[in-house]
Protein backbone atom coordinates (compact mmCIF):
# COMPACT_ATOMS: atom_id res chain seq x y z
CA UNK A 1 17.08 8.32 -31.78
CA UNK A 2 13.34 8.51 -31.15
CA UNK A 3 13.01 4.73 -30.86
CA UNK A 4 15.90 4.67 -28.37
CA UNK A 5 14.12 7.27 -26.20
CA UNK A 6 10.85 5.35 -26.36
CA UNK A 7 12.64 2.12 -25.49
CA UNK A 8 14.38 3.81 -22.55
CA UNK A 9 11.07 5.26 -21.31
CA UNK A 10 9.33 1.88 -21.52
CA UNK A 11 12.18 0.15 -19.65
CA UNK A 12 12.16 2.85 -16.96
CA UNK A 13 8.38 2.55 -16.60
CA UNK A 14 8.57 -1.26 -16.28
CA UNK A 15 11.33 -0.97 -13.69
CA UNK A 16 9.19 1.50 -11.72
CA UNK A 17 6.31 -0.99 -11.73
CA UNK A 18 8.55 -3.89 -10.66
CA UNK A 19 10.29 -1.96 -7.90
CA UNK A 20 6.97 -0.52 -6.68
CA UNK A 21 5.57 -4.05 -6.45
CA UNK A 22 8.68 -5.10 -4.49
CA UNK A 23 8.17 -2.24 -2.01
CA UNK A 24 4.51 -3.13 -1.53
CA UNK A 25 5.47 -6.75 -0.87
CA UNK A 26 7.97 -5.69 1.81
CA UNK A 27 5.36 -3.45 3.44
CA UNK A 28 2.71 -6.19 3.36
CA UNK A 29 5.05 -8.74 4.97
CA UNK A 30 5.98 -6.31 7.75
CA UNK A 31 2.34 -5.33 8.28
CA UNK A 32 1.19 -8.97 8.41
CA UNK A 33 3.80 -9.69 11.11
CA UNK A 34 2.39 -6.77 13.13
CA UNK A 35 -1.18 -8.01 12.75
CA UNK A 36 -0.17 -11.32 14.31
CA UNK A 37 1.00 -9.50 17.46
CA UNK A 38 -2.22 -7.70 18.36
CA UNK A 39 -4.46 -4.77 17.50
CA UNK A 40 -2.81 -2.52 14.93
CA UNK A 41 -3.10 1.25 14.58
CA UNK A 42 -1.88 2.86 11.37
CA UNK A 43 -1.07 6.48 10.65
CA UNK A 44 0.19 8.20 7.53
CA UNK A 45 1.47 11.64 6.79
CA UNK A 46 1.10 12.98 3.31
CA UNK A 47 2.94 15.33 1.10
CA UNK A 48 3.53 15.52 -2.59
CA UNK A 49 7.12 16.73 -2.45
CA UNK A 50 7.97 15.80 1.15
CA UNK A 51 8.94 12.34 2.37
CA UNK A 52 5.81 10.40 3.28
CA UNK A 53 5.66 8.50 6.52
CA UNK A 54 3.63 5.39 7.29
CA UNK A 55 3.70 4.29 10.92
CA UNK A 56 1.98 1.20 12.32
CA UNK A 57 1.88 0.09 15.95
CA UNK A 58 0.69 -3.25 17.33
CA UNK A 59 -0.88 -3.14 20.79
CA UNK A 60 -1.28 -6.10 23.14
CA UNK A 61 -4.26 -6.71 25.45
CA UNK A 62 -2.90 -4.21 28.01
CA UNK A 63 -2.61 -1.50 25.31
CA UNK A 64 1.19 -1.64 25.34
CA UNK A 65 3.18 -1.41 22.12
CA UNK A 66 4.38 -4.90 21.22
CA UNK A 67 5.43 -4.21 17.62
CA UNK A 68 6.08 -1.27 15.33
CA UNK A 69 6.87 -0.34 11.77
CA UNK A 70 7.95 2.96 10.22
CA UNK A 71 8.35 3.56 6.49
CA UNK A 72 9.49 6.93 5.26
CA UNK A 73 10.83 8.27 2.03
CA UNK A 74 10.18 9.70 -1.39
CA UNK A 75 11.31 6.71 -3.42
CA UNK A 76 10.53 3.06 -3.82
CA UNK A 77 13.62 2.23 -1.78
CA UNK A 78 11.93 3.13 1.54
CA UNK A 79 12.01 0.12 3.86
CA UNK A 80 9.99 -0.74 6.96
CA UNK A 81 11.96 -0.24 10.17
CA UNK A 82 11.08 -1.02 13.76
CA UNK A 83 10.80 1.66 16.42
CA UNK A 84 12.13 -0.37 19.34
CA UNK A 85 12.16 2.67 21.64
CA UNK A 86 8.35 2.55 21.64
CA UNK A 87 8.03 -1.14 22.53
CA UNK A 88 6.57 -1.64 25.99
CA UNK A 89 5.09 1.85 26.24
CA UNK A 90 1.41 2.18 27.08
CA UNK A 91 -0.80 3.78 24.44
CA UNK A 92 -1.52 6.74 26.75
CA UNK A 93 2.22 7.40 27.17
CA UNK A 94 2.73 7.95 23.45
CA UNK A 95 3.07 11.69 22.97
CA UNK A 96 3.96 12.45 19.33
CA UNK A 97 5.63 15.83 19.94
CA UNK A 98 7.85 14.33 22.68
CA UNK A 99 8.79 11.18 20.74
CA UNK A 100 9.45 13.03 17.46
CA UNK A 101 10.25 16.62 18.51
CA UNK A 102 11.83 17.62 15.19
CA UNK A 103 9.75 15.60 12.73
CA UNK A 104 6.25 16.87 11.92
CA UNK A 105 5.52 14.04 9.48
CA UNK A 106 6.25 11.37 12.11
CA UNK A 107 4.20 13.31 14.68
CA UNK A 108 1.20 13.30 12.34
CA UNK A 109 1.56 9.61 11.55
CA UNK A 110 1.90 8.67 15.23
CA UNK A 111 -1.11 10.81 16.17
CA UNK A 112 -3.22 8.97 13.62
CA UNK A 113 -1.89 5.56 14.66
CA UNK A 114 -2.86 6.06 18.32
CA UNK A 115 -6.14 7.89 17.68
CA UNK A 116 -9.23 6.09 19.05
CA UNK A 117 -11.03 4.12 16.36
CA UNK A 118 -14.74 4.66 15.94
């Protein structure tokens, strides 16, 4: 019985590593596509027991959104998704509390993504 539990724990741990690597690969591919479009701003909201949000926006030379990526979730099954409603908007038009009125985590991530870099 003990060896079966240990075996199960090892298999679960290895699956966690493999699926985590798969998620990182998906994120990296999506992020690399954004980097090819222009200057990229990235924001992240944290939380230990709340869904985390990673939001990245690519800006063209006129500071308009030309690409986007949003990843949210608690598990390794979170996938990058585009925010097409933001495409074409100028950086100064992006108001986090208007775009995400009900979602504090997305507001935080968007605020960080559009914050001036020093």
